Amino acid sequence: FSYNKTDGLADNNIRALLQDSKNNLWIGTSVGISNFNGV
């Protein structure tokens, strides 16, 4: 299941991923950081 800028992601070039204690996904991109709460 893929997500990109069309879905709301800051950028399509992903450099880092992290899941926090609340199960949010933090996505480091080449232009900023995106937070994905599953929705």
Full PDB file with SEQRES, HELIX, SHEET, SSBOND, CRYST1, ORIGX, SCALE, CONECT and MASTER records, all heavy atoms in Angstrom:
SEQRES   1 A   39  PHE SER TYR ASN LYS THR ASP GLY LEU ALA ASP ASN ASN          
SEQRES   2 A   39  ILE ARG ALA LEU LEU GLN ASP SER LYS ASN ASN LEU TRP          
SEQRES   3 A   39  ILE GLY THR SER VAL GLY ILE SER ASN PHE ASN GLY VAL          
HELIX    1 AA1 LYS A    5  ASP A    7  5                                   3    
SHEET    1 AA1 3 ILE A  14  GLN A  19  0                                        
SHEET    2 AA1 3 LEU A  25  THR A  29 -1                                        
SHEET    3 AA1 3 ILE A  33  PHE A  36 -1                                        
CRYST1    1.000    1.000    1.000  90.00  90.00  90.00 P 1           1          
ORIGX1      1.000000  0.000000  0.000000        0.00000                         
ORIGX2      0.000000  1.000000  0.000000        0.00000                         
ORIGX3      0.000000  0.000000  1.000000        0.00000                         
SCALE1      1.000000  0.000000  0.000000        0.00000                         
SCALE2      0.000000  1.000000  0.000000        0.00000                         
SCALE3      0.000000  0.000000  1.000000        0.00000                         
ATOM      1  N   PHE A   1       0.875  -1.162   0.000  1.00  0.00           N  
ATOM      2  CA  PHE A   1       0.000   0.000   0.000  1.00  0.00           C  
ATOM      3  C   PHE A   1       0.913   1.213   0.000  1.00  0.00           C  
ATOM      4  O   PHE A   1       1.698   1.393   0.931  1.00  0.00           O  
ATOM      5  CB  PHE A   1      -0.904   0.005   1.236  1.00  0.00           C  
ATOM      6  CG  PHE A   1      -1.784  -1.204   1.334  1.00  0.00           C  
ATOM      7  CD1 PHE A   1      -1.361  -2.333   2.017  1.00  0.00           C  
ATOM      8  CD2 PHE A   1      -3.020  -1.210   0.711  1.00  0.00           C  
ATOM      9  CE1 PHE A   1      -2.167  -3.462   2.099  1.00  0.00           C  
ATOM     10  CE2 PHE A   1      -3.843  -2.332   0.788  1.00  0.00           C  
ATOM     11  CZ  PHE A   1      -3.407  -3.455   1.479  1.00  0.00           C  
ATOM     12  N   SER A   2       0.835   2.034  -1.035  1.00  0.00           N  
ATOM     13  CA  SER A   2       1.774   3.134  -1.194  1.00  0.00           C  
ATOM     14  C   SER A   2       1.108   4.485  -0.988  1.00  0.00           C  
ATOM     15  O   SER A   2      -0.069   4.675  -1.303  1.00  0.00           O  
ATOM     16  CB  SER A   2       2.405   3.080  -2.586  1.00  0.00           C  
ATOM     17  OG  SER A   2       3.137   1.883  -2.726  1.00  0.00           O  
ATOM     18  N   TYR A   3       1.893   5.415  -0.454  1.00  0.00           N  
ATOM     19  CA  TYR A   3       1.459   6.781  -0.207  1.00  0.00           C  
ATOM     20  C   TYR A   3       2.500   7.720  -0.797  1.00  0.00           C  
ATOM     21  O   TYR A   3       3.704   7.478  -0.658  1.00  0.00           O  
ATOM     22  CB  TYR A   3       1.330   7.041   1.294  1.00  0.00           C  
ATOM     23  CG  TYR A   3       0.436   6.057   2.008  1.00  0.00           C  
ATOM     24  CD1 TYR A   3       0.967   4.901   2.578  1.00  0.00           C  
ATOM     25  CD2 TYR A   3      -0.935   6.268   2.099  1.00  0.00           C  
ATOM     26  CE1 TYR A   3       0.149   3.990   3.231  1.00  0.00           C  
ATOM     27  CE2 TYR A   3      -1.763   5.360   2.749  1.00  0.00           C  
ATOM     28  CZ  TYR A   3      -1.209   4.226   3.310  1.00  0.00           C  
ATOM     29  OH  TYR A   3      -2.019   3.322   3.947  1.00  0.00           O  
ATOM     30  N   ASN A   4       2.026   8.803  -1.434  1.00  0.00           N  
ATOM     31  CA  ASN A   4       2.938   9.774  -2.015  1.00  0.00           C  
ATOM     32  C   ASN A   4       2.372  11.181  -1.853  1.00  0.00           C  
ATOM     33  O   ASN A   4       1.432  11.387  -1.084  1.00  0.00           O  
ATOM     34  CB  ASN A   4       3.246   9.434  -3.480  1.00  0.00           C  
ATOM     35  CG  ASN A   4       1.998   9.348  -4.320  1.00  0.00           C  
ATOM     36  OD1 ASN A   4       1.061  10.133  -4.154  1.00  0.00           O  
ATOM     37  ND2 ASN A   4       1.970   8.392  -5.227  1.00  0.00           N  
ATOM     38  N   LYS A   5       2.940  12.142  -2.577  1.00  0.00           N  
ATOM     39  CA  LYS A   5       2.504  13.537  -2.455  1.00  0.00           C  
ATOM     40  C   LYS A   5       1.012  13.698  -2.745  1.00  0.00           C  
ATOM     41  O   LYS A   5       0.340  14.519  -2.122  1.00  0.00           O  
ATOM     42  CB  LYS A   5       3.326  14.433  -3.393  1.00  0.00           C  
ATOM     43  CG  LYS A   5       4.713  14.714  -2.879  1.00  0.00           C  
ATOM     44  CD  LYS A   5       5.493  15.601  -3.829  1.00  0.00           C  
ATOM     45  CE  LYS A   5       4.931  17.003  -3.795  1.00  0.00           C  
ATOM     46  NZ  LYS A   5       5.779  17.967  -4.504  1.00  0.00           N  
ATOM     47  N   THR A   6       0.491  12.918  -3.644  1.00  0.00           N  
ATOM     48  CA  THR A   6      -0.935  12.984  -3.975  1.00  0.00           C  
ATOM     49  C   THR A   6      -1.796  12.659  -2.758  1.00  0.00           C  
ATOM     50  O   THR A   6      -2.890  13.202  -2.596  1.00  0.00           O  
ATOM     51  CB  THR A   6      -1.260  12.007  -5.124  1.00  0.00           C  
ATOM     52  OG1 THR A   6      -0.413  12.286  -6.226  1.00  0.00           O  
ATOM     53  CG2 THR A   6      -2.703  12.111  -5.555  1.00  0.00           C  
ATOM     54  N   ASP A   7      -1.293  11.806  -1.873  1.00  0.00           N  
ATOM     55  CA  ASP A   7      -2.018  11.415  -0.664  1.00  0.00           C  
ATOM     56  C   ASP A   7      -1.795  12.379   0.501  1.00  0.00           C  
ATOM     57  O   ASP A   7      -2.401  12.211   1.565  1.00  0.00           O  
ATOM     58  CB  ASP A   7      -1.595  10.009  -0.234  1.00  0.00           C  
ATOM     59  CG  ASP A   7      -1.861   8.989  -1.317  1.00  0.00           C  
ATOM     60  OD1 ASP A   7      -3.033   8.850  -1.720  1.00  0.00           O  
ATOM     61  OD2 ASP A   7      -0.895   8.331  -1.768  1.00  0.00           O  
ATOM     62  N   GLY A   8      -0.899  13.359   0.324  1.00  0.00           N  
ATOM     63  CA  GLY A   8      -0.634  14.333   1.370  1.00  0.00           C  
ATOM     64  C   GLY A   8       0.760  14.293   1.944  1.00  0.00           C  
ATOM     65  O   GLY A   8       1.108  15.107   2.805  1.00  0.00           O  
ATOM     66  N   LEU A   9       1.580  13.373   1.512  1.00  0.00           N  
ATOM     67  CA  LEU A   9       2.963  13.284   1.964  1.00  0.00           C  
ATOM     68  C   LEU A   9       3.726  14.530   1.516  1.00  0.00           C  
ATOM     69  O   LEU A   9       3.478  15.053   0.426  1.00  0.00           O  
ATOM     70  CB  LEU A   9       3.583  12.019   1.358  1.00  0.00           C  
ATOM     71  CG  LEU A   9       4.927  11.526   1.847  1.00  0.00           C  
ATOM     72  CD1 LEU A   9       4.891  11.196   3.334  1.00  0.00           C  
ATOM     73  CD2 LEU A   9       5.332  10.285   1.064  1.00  0.00           C  
ATOM     74  N   ALA A  10       4.649  15.022   2.339  1.00  0.00           N  
ATOM     75  CA  ALA A  10       5.387  16.251   2.023  1.00  0.00           C  
ATOM     76  C   ALA A  10       6.212  16.111   0.744  1.00  0.00           C  
ATOM     77  O   ALA A  10       6.312  17.054  -0.038  1.00  0.00           O  
ATOM     78  CB  ALA A  10       6.295  16.644   3.182  1.00  0.00           C  
ATOM     79  N   ASP A  11       6.814  14.965   0.528  1.00  0.00           N  
ATOM     80  CA  ASP A  11       7.657  14.747  -0.643  1.00  0.00           C  
ATOM     81  C   ASP A  11       7.764  13.251  -0.899  1.00  0.00           C  
ATOM     82  O   ASP A  11       7.540  12.446   0.004  1.00  0.00           O  
ATOM     83  CB  ASP A  11       9.047  15.363  -0.423  1.00  0.00           C  
ATOM     84  CG  ASP A  11       9.854  15.430  -1.697  1.00  0.00           C  
ATOM     85  OD1 ASP A  11       9.381  16.046  -2.672  1.00  0.00           O  
ATOM     86  OD2 ASP A  11      10.963  14.863  -1.727  1.00  0.00           O  
ATOM     87  N   ASN A  12       8.115  12.869  -2.103  1.00  0.00           N  
ATOM     88  CA  ASN A  12       8.243  11.451  -2.462  1.00  0.00           C  
ATOM     89  C   ASN A  12       9.624  10.883  -2.201  1.00  0.00           C  
ATOM     90  O   ASN A  12       9.831   9.682  -2.345  1.00  0.00           O  
ATOM     91  CB  ASN A  12       7.861  11.239  -3.925  1.00  0.00           C  
ATOM     92  CG  ASN A  12       6.378  11.425  -4.157  1.00  0.00           C  
ATOM     93  OD1 ASN A  12       5.570  11.255  -3.252  1.00  0.00           O  
ATOM     94  ND2 ASN A  12       6.018  11.787  -5.364  1.00  0.00           N  
ATOM     95  N   ASN A  13      10.584  11.730  -1.841  1.00  0.00           N  
ATOM     96  CA  ASN A  13      11.937  11.268  -1.516  1.00  0.00           C  
ATOM     97  C   ASN A  13      12.030  11.083  -0.006  1.00  0.00           C  
ATOM     98  O   ASN A  13      12.131  12.045   0.747  1.00  0.00           O  
ATOM     99  CB  ASN A  13      12.989  12.261  -2.001  1.00  0.00           C  
ATOM    100  CG  ASN A  13      13.010  12.360  -3.509  1.00  0.00           C  
ATOM    101  OD1 ASN A  13      13.085  11.335  -4.177  1.00  0.00           O  
ATOM    102  ND2 ASN A  13      12.932  13.563  -4.035  1.00  0.00           N  
ATOM    103  N   ILE A  14      12.004   9.832   0.431  1.00  0.00           N  
ATOM    104  CA  ILE A  14      11.962   9.503   1.854  1.00  0.00           C  
ATOM    105  C   ILE A  14      13.365   9.147   2.329  1.00  0.00           C  
ATOM    106  O   ILE A  14      14.062   8.351   1.706  1.00  0.00           O  
ATOM    107  CB  ILE A  14      11.008   8.313   2.121  1.00  0.00           C  
ATOM    108  CG1 ILE A  14       9.649   8.542   1.458  1.00  0.00           C  
ATOM    109  CG2 ILE A  14      10.885   8.066   3.620  1.00  0.00           C  
ATOM    110  CD1 ILE A  14       8.942   9.814   1.845  1.00  0.00           C  
ATOM    111  N   ARG A  15      13.766   9.731   3.460  1.00  0.00           N  
ATOM    112  CA  ARG A  15      15.110   9.506   3.995  1.00  0.00           C  
ATOM    113  C   ARG A  15      15.108   8.781   5.339  1.00  0.00           C  
ATOM    114  O   ARG A  15      16.085   8.150   5.701  1.00  0.00           O  
ATOM    115  CB  ARG A  15      15.843  10.836   4.141  1.00  0.00           C  
ATOM    116  CG  ARG A  15      16.014  11.586   2.832  1.00  0.00           C  
ATOM    117  CD  ARG A  15      16.921  10.791   1.896  1.00  0.00           C  
ATOM    118  NE  ARG A  15      17.073  11.459   0.610  1.00  0.00           N  
ATOM    119  CZ  ARG A  15      16.595  11.004  -0.527  1.00  0.00           C  
ATOM    120  NH1 ARG A  15      15.895   9.892  -0.550  1.00  0.00           N  
ATOM    121  NH2 ARG A  15      16.803  11.637  -1.649  1.00  0.00           N  
ATOM    122  N   ALA A  16      14.012   8.878   6.121  1.00  0.00           N  
ATOM    123  CA  ALA A  16      13.993   8.256   7.444  1.00  0.00           C  
ATOM    124  C   ALA A  16      12.563   7.913   7.844  1.00  0.00           C  
ATOM    125  O   ALA A  16      11.621   8.585   7.430  1.00  0.00           O  
ATOM    126  CB  ALA A  16      14.606   9.204   8.469  1.00  0.00           C  
ATOM    127  N   LEU A  17      12.419   6.874   8.652  1.00  0.00           N  
ATOM    128  CA  LEU A  17      11.120   6.440   9.168  1.00  0.00           C  
ATOM    129  C   LEU A  17      11.249   6.126  10.651  1.00  0.00           C  
ATOM    130  O   LEU A  17      12.261   5.584  11.099  1.00  0.00           O  
ATOM    131  CB  LEU A  17      10.640   5.182   8.442  1.00  0.00           C  
ATOM    132  CG  LEU A  17      10.337   5.309   6.958  1.00  0.00           C  
ATOM    133  CD1 LEU A  17      10.148   3.931   6.334  1.00  0.00           C  
ATOM    134  CD2 LEU A  17       9.103   6.164   6.738  1.00  0.00           C  
ATOM    135  N   LEU A  18      10.187   6.472  11.401  1.00  0.00           N  
ATOM    136  CA  LEU A  18      10.157   6.188  12.827  1.00  0.00           C  
ATOM    137  C   LEU A  18       8.708   6.043  13.260  1.00  0.00           C  
ATOM    138  O   LEU A  18       7.843   6.801  12.824  1.00  0.00           O  
ATOM    139  CB  LEU A  18      10.802   7.335  13.615  1.00  0.00           C  
ATOM    140  CG  LEU A  18      10.696   7.222  15.134  1.00  0.00           C  
ATOM    141  CD1 LEU A  18      11.880   6.446  15.675  1.00  0.00           C  
ATOM    142  CD2 LEU A  18      10.627   8.589  15.771  1.00  0.00           C  
ATOM    143  N   GLN A  19       8.436   5.086  14.136  1.00  0.00           N  
ATOM    144  CA  GLN A  19       7.105   4.957  14.718  1.00  0.00           C  
ATOM    145  C   GLN A  19       7.202   5.355  16.182  1.00  0.00           C  
ATOM    146  O   GLN A  19       8.060   4.863  16.914  1.00  0.00           O  
ATOM    147  CB  GLN A  19       6.573   3.531  14.587  1.00  0.00           C  
ATOM    148  CG  GLN A  19       5.144   3.400  15.077  1.00  0.00           C  
ATOM    149  CD  GLN A  19       4.596   1.990  14.938  1.00  0.00           C  
ATOM    150  OE1 GLN A  19       5.320   1.012  15.075  1.00  0.00           O  
ATOM    151  NE2 GLN A  19       3.314   1.882  14.660  1.00  0.00           N  
ATOM    152  N   ASP A  20       6.301   6.256  16.618  1.00  0.00           N  
ATOM    153  CA  ASP A  20       6.338   6.712  18.006  1.00  0.00           C  
ATOM    154  C   ASP A  20       5.472   5.829  18.906  1.00  0.00           C  
ATOM    155  O   ASP A  20       4.850   4.858  18.447  1.00  0.00           O  
ATOM    156  CB  ASP A  20       5.956   8.200  18.114  1.00  0.00           C  
ATOM    157  CG  ASP A  20       4.512   8.506  17.755  1.00  0.00           C  
ATOM    158  OD1 ASP A  20       3.652   7.590  17.767  1.00  0.00           O  
ATOM    159  OD2 ASP A  20       4.231   9.687  17.467  1.00  0.00           O  
ATOM    160  N   SER A  21       5.410   6.171  20.195  1.00  0.00           N  
ATOM    161  CA  SER A  21       4.683   5.356  21.168  1.00  0.00           C  
ATOM    162  C   SER A  21       3.174   5.378  20.947  1.00  0.00           C  
ATOM    163  O   SER A  21       2.454   4.524  21.469  1.00  0.00           O  
ATOM    164  CB  SER A  21       4.994   5.841  22.583  1.00  0.00           C  
ATOM    165  OG  SER A  21       4.586   7.192  22.733  1.00  0.00           O  
ATOM    166  N   LYS A  22       2.668   6.345  20.174  1.00  0.00           N  
ATOM    167  CA  LYS A  22       1.237   6.424  19.865  1.00  0.00           C  
ATOM    168  C   LYS A  22       0.919   5.801  18.502  1.00  0.00           C  
ATOM    169  O   LYS A  22      -0.156   6.014  17.957  1.00  0.00           O  
ATOM    170  CB  LYS A  22       0.771   7.875  19.903  1.00  0.00           C  
ATOM    171  CG  LYS A  22       0.897   8.491  21.281  1.00  0.00           C  
ATOM    172  CD  LYS A  22       0.443   9.933  21.272  1.00  0.00           C  
ATOM    173  CE  LYS A  22       0.622  10.531  22.657  1.00  0.00           C  
ATOM    174  NZ  LYS A  22       0.277  11.941  22.684  1.00  0.00           N  
ATOM    175  N   ASN A  23       1.878   5.070  17.944  1.00  0.00           N  
ATOM    176  CA  ASN A  23       1.760   4.373  16.661  1.00  0.00           C  
ATOM    177  C   ASN A  23       1.692   5.314  15.454  1.00  0.00           C  
ATOM    178  O   ASN A  23       1.293   4.898  14.368  1.00  0.00           O  
ATOM    179  CB  ASN A  23       0.573   3.406  16.640  1.00  0.00           C  
ATOM    180  CG  ASN A  23       0.736   2.302  17.647  1.00  0.00           C  
ATOM    181  OD1 ASN A  23       1.853   1.914  17.968  1.00  0.00           O  
ATOM    182  ND2 ASN A  23      -0.355   1.807  18.158  1.00  0.00           N  
ATOM    183  N   ASN A  24       2.067   6.581  15.638  1.00  0.00           N  
ATOM    184  CA  ASN A  24       2.172   7.501  14.500  1.00  0.00           C  
ATOM    185  C   ASN A  24       3.468   7.224  13.765  1.00  0.00           C  
ATOM    186  O   ASN A  24       4.487   6.922  14.384  1.00  0.00           O  
ATOM    187  CB  ASN A  24       2.172   8.962  14.967  1.00  0.00           C  
ATOM    188  CG  ASN A  24       0.850   9.350  15.585  1.00  0.00           C  
ATOM    189  OD1 ASN A  24      -0.192   9.150  14.985  1.00  0.00           O  
ATOM    190  ND2 ASN A  24       0.902   9.900  16.783  1.00  0.00           N  
ATOM    191  N   LEU A  25       3.420   7.341  12.464  1.00  0.00           N  
ATOM    192  CA  LEU A  25       4.609   7.161  11.644  1.00  0.00           C  
ATOM    193  C   LEU A  25       5.175   8.536  11.301  1.00  0.00           C  
ATOM    194  O   LEU A  25       4.465   9.397  10.774  1.00  0.00           O  
ATOM    195  CB  LEU A  25       4.253   6.404  10.352  1.00  0.00           C  
ATOM    196  CG  LEU A  25       5.412   6.038   9.444  1.00  0.00           C  
ATOM    197  CD1 LEU A  25       6.336   5.033  10.125  1.00  0.00           C  
ATOM    198  CD2 LEU A  25       4.891   5.464   8.142  1.00  0.00           C  
ATOM    199  N   TRP A  26       6.442   8.748  11.637  1.00  0.00           N  
ATOM    200  CA  TRP A  26       7.141   9.986  11.309  1.00  0.00           C  
ATOM    201  C   TRP A  26       8.028   9.697  10.110  1.00  0.00           C  
ATOM    202  O   TRP A  26       8.803   8.739  10.112  1.00  0.00           O  
ATOM    203  CB  TRP A  26       7.955  10.476  12.498  1.00  0.00           C  
ATOM    204  CG  TRP A  26       7.084  10.932  13.624  1.00  0.00           C  
ATOM    205  CD1 TRP A  26       6.586  10.165  14.632  1.00  0.00           C  
ATOM    206  CD2 TRP A  26       6.579  12.249  13.811  1.00  0.00           C  
ATOM    207  NE1 TRP A  26       5.800  10.934  15.451  1.00  0.00           N  
ATOM    208  CE2 TRP A  26       5.781  12.224  14.981  1.00  0.00           C  
ATOM    209  CE3 TRP A  26       6.721  13.460  13.114  1.00  0.00           C  
ATOM    210  CZ2 TRP A  26       5.133  13.348  15.463  1.00  0.00           C  
ATOM    211  CZ3 TRP A  26       6.083  14.577  13.608  1.00  0.00           C  
ATOM    212  CH2 TRP A  26       5.293  14.514  14.766  1.00  0.00           C  
ATOM    213  N   ILE A  27       7.893  10.534   9.088  1.00  0.00           N  
ATOM    214  CA  ILE A  27       8.548  10.291   7.810  1.00  0.00           C  
ATOM    215  C   ILE A  27       9.440  11.480   7.487  1.00  0.00           C  
ATOM    216  O   ILE A  27       8.954  12.598   7.281  1.00  0.00           O  
ATOM    217  CB  ILE A  27       7.499  10.094   6.701  1.00  0.00           C  
ATOM    218  CG1 ILE A  27       6.537   8.966   7.102  1.00  0.00           C  
ATOM    219  CG2 ILE A  27       8.162   9.821   5.368  1.00  0.00           C  
ATOM    220  CD1 ILE A  27       5.236   8.974   6.344  1.00  0.00           C  
ATOM    221  N   GLY A  28      10.737  11.251   7.454  1.00  0.00           N  
ATOM    222  CA  GLY A  28      11.688  12.296   7.078  1.00  0.00           C  
ATOM    223  C   GLY A  28      11.836  12.315   5.569  1.00  0.00           C  
ATOM    224  O   GLY A  28      12.227  11.330   4.958  1.00  0.00           O  
ATOM    225  N   THR A  29      11.481  13.448   4.957  1.00  0.00           N  
ATOM    226  CA  THR A  29      11.588  13.584   3.504  1.00  0.00           C  
ATOM    227  C   THR A  29      12.703  14.564   3.170  1.00  0.00           C  
ATOM    228  O   THR A  29      13.314  15.152   4.058  1.00  0.00           O  
ATOM    229  CB  THR A  29      10.263  14.091   2.889  1.00  0.00           C  
ATOM    230  OG1 THR A  29      10.119  15.482   3.172  1.00  0.00           O  
ATOM    231  CG2 THR A  29       9.068  13.319   3.429  1.00  0.00           C  
ATOM    232  N   SER A  30      12.928  14.795   1.911  1.00  0.00           N  
ATOM    233  CA  SER A  30      13.976  15.722   1.486  1.00  0.00           C  
ATOM    234  C   SER A  30      13.568  17.181   1.655  1.00  0.00           C  
ATOM    235  O   SER A  30      14.412  18.070   1.534  1.00  0.00           O  
ATOM    236  CB  SER A  30      14.377  15.440   0.038  1.00  0.00           C  
ATOM    237  OG  SER A  30      13.249  15.561  -0.803  1.00  0.00           O  
ATOM    238  N   VAL A  31      12.281  17.459   1.961  1.00  0.00           N  
ATOM    239  CA  VAL A  31      11.837  18.852   2.129  1.00  0.00           C  
ATOM    240  C   VAL A  31      11.228  19.121   3.503  1.00  0.00           C  
ATOM    241  O   VAL A  31      10.850  20.258   3.792  1.00  0.00           O  
ATOM    242  CB  VAL A  31      10.824  19.274   1.035  1.00  0.00           C  
ATOM    243  CG1 VAL A  31      11.440  19.172  -0.339  1.00  0.00           C  
ATOM    244  CG2 VAL A  31       9.548  18.467   1.129  1.00  0.00           C  
ATOM    245  N   GLY A  32      11.089  18.115   4.345  1.00  0.00           N  
ATOM    246  CA  GLY A  32      10.492  18.308   5.656  1.00  0.00           C  
ATOM    247  C   GLY A  32      10.118  16.980   6.280  1.00  0.00           C  
ATOM    248  O   GLY A  32      10.589  15.924   5.865  1.00  0.00           O  
ATOM    249  N   ILE A  33       9.237  17.062   7.268  1.00  0.00           N  
ATOM    250  CA  ILE A  33       8.812  15.868   7.991  1.00  0.00           C  
ATOM    251  C   ILE A  33       7.300  15.705   7.839  1.00  0.00           C  
ATOM    252  O   ILE A  33       6.554  16.675   7.948  1.00  0.00           O  
ATOM    253  CB  ILE A  33       9.176  15.976   9.479  1.00  0.00           C  
ATOM    254  CG1 ILE A  33      10.695  16.045   9.638  1.00  0.00           C  
ATOM    255  CG2 ILE A  33       8.605  14.800  10.271  1.00  0.00           C  
ATOM    256  CD1 ILE A  33      11.150  16.325  11.046  1.00  0.00           C  
ATOM    257  N   SER A  34       6.863  14.491   7.608  1.00  0.00           N  
ATOM    258  CA  SER A  34       5.435  14.174   7.567  1.00  0.00           C  
ATOM    259  C   SER A  34       5.104  13.263   8.726  1.00  0.00           C  
ATOM    260  O   SER A  34       5.892  12.381   9.082  1.00  0.00           O  
ATOM    261  CB  SER A  34       5.061  13.477   6.258  1.00  0.00           C  
ATOM    262  OG  SER A  34       5.196  14.328   5.163  1.00  0.00           O  
ATOM    263  N   ASN A  35       3.937  13.480   9.306  1.00  0.00           N  
ATOM    264  CA  ASN A  35       3.422  12.619  10.352  1.00  0.00           C  
ATOM    265  C   ASN A  35       2.175  11.934   9.812  1.00  0.00           C  
ATOM    266  O   ASN A  35       1.274  12.591   9.303  1.00  0.00           O  
ATOM    267  CB  ASN A  35       3.077  13.448  11.599  1.00  0.00           C  
ATOM    268  CG  ASN A  35       2.441  12.601  12.669  1.00  0.00           C  
ATOM    269  OD1 ASN A  35       1.231  12.427  12.682  1.00  0.00           O  
ATOM    270  ND2 ASN A  35       3.256  12.078  13.547  1.00  0.00           N  
ATOM    271  N   PHE A  36       2.144  10.606   9.903  1.00  0.00           N  
ATOM    272  CA  PHE A  36       1.004   9.834   9.409  1.00  0.00           C  
ATOM    273  C   PHE A  36       0.366   9.116  10.587  1.00  0.00           C  
ATOM    274  O   PHE A  36       1.004   8.310  11.265  1.00  0.00           O  
ATOM    275  CB  PHE A  36       1.463   8.831   8.351  1.00  0.00           C  
ATOM    276  CG  PHE A  36       0.359   8.045   7.722  1.00  0.00           C  
ATOM    277  CD1 PHE A  36      -0.666   8.679   7.034  1.00  0.00           C  
ATOM    278  CD2 PHE A  36       0.358   6.664   7.786  1.00  0.00           C  
ATOM    279  CE1 PHE A  36      -1.686   7.947   6.432  1.00  0.00           C  
ATOM    280  CE2 PHE A  36      -0.646   5.927   7.183  1.00  0.00           C  
ATOM    281  CZ  PHE A  36      -1.674   6.569   6.513  1.00  0.00           C  
ATOM    282  N   ASN A  37      -0.910   9.411  10.857  1.00  0.00           N  
ATOM    283  CA  ASN A  37      -1.617   8.814  11.987  1.00  0.00           C  
ATOM    284  C   ASN A  37      -2.408   7.572  11.596  1.00  0.00           C  
ATOM    285  O   ASN A  37      -3.200   7.067  12.379  1.00  0.00           O  
ATOM    286  CB  ASN A  37      -2.545   9.843  12.636  1.00  0.00           C  
ATOM    287  CG  ASN A  37      -3.640  10.335  11.700  1.00  0.00           C  
ATOM    288  OD1 ASN A  37      -3.851   9.796  10.618  1.00  0.00           O  
ATOM    289  ND2 ASN A  37      -4.317  11.382  12.107  1.00  0.00           N  
ATOM    290  N   GLY A  38      -2.202   7.090  10.387  1.00  0.00           N  
ATOM    291  CA  GLY A  38      -2.925   5.931   9.890  1.00  0.00           C  
ATOM    292  C   GLY A  38      -4.069   6.306   8.975  1.00  0.00           C  
ATOM    293  O   GLY A  38      -4.606   5.464   8.263  1.00  0.00           O  
ATOM    294  N   VAL A  39      -4.437   7.600   8.997  1.00  0.00           N  
ATOM    295  CA  VAL A  39      -5.533   8.094   8.168  1.00  0.00           C  
ATOM    296  C   VAL A  39      -5.082   9.243   7.281  1.00  0.00           C  
ATOM    297  O   VAL A  39      -5.342   9.258   6.084  1.00  0.00           O  
ATOM    298  CB  VAL A  39      -6.719   8.562   9.054  1.00  0.00           C  
ATOM    299  CG1 VAL A  39      -7.833   9.144   8.207  1.00  0.00           C  
ATOM    300  CG2 VAL A  39      -7.228   7.426   9.919  1.00  0.00           C  
TER     301      VAL A  39                                                      
MASTER        0    0    0    1    3    0    0    6  300    1    0    3          
END                                                                             
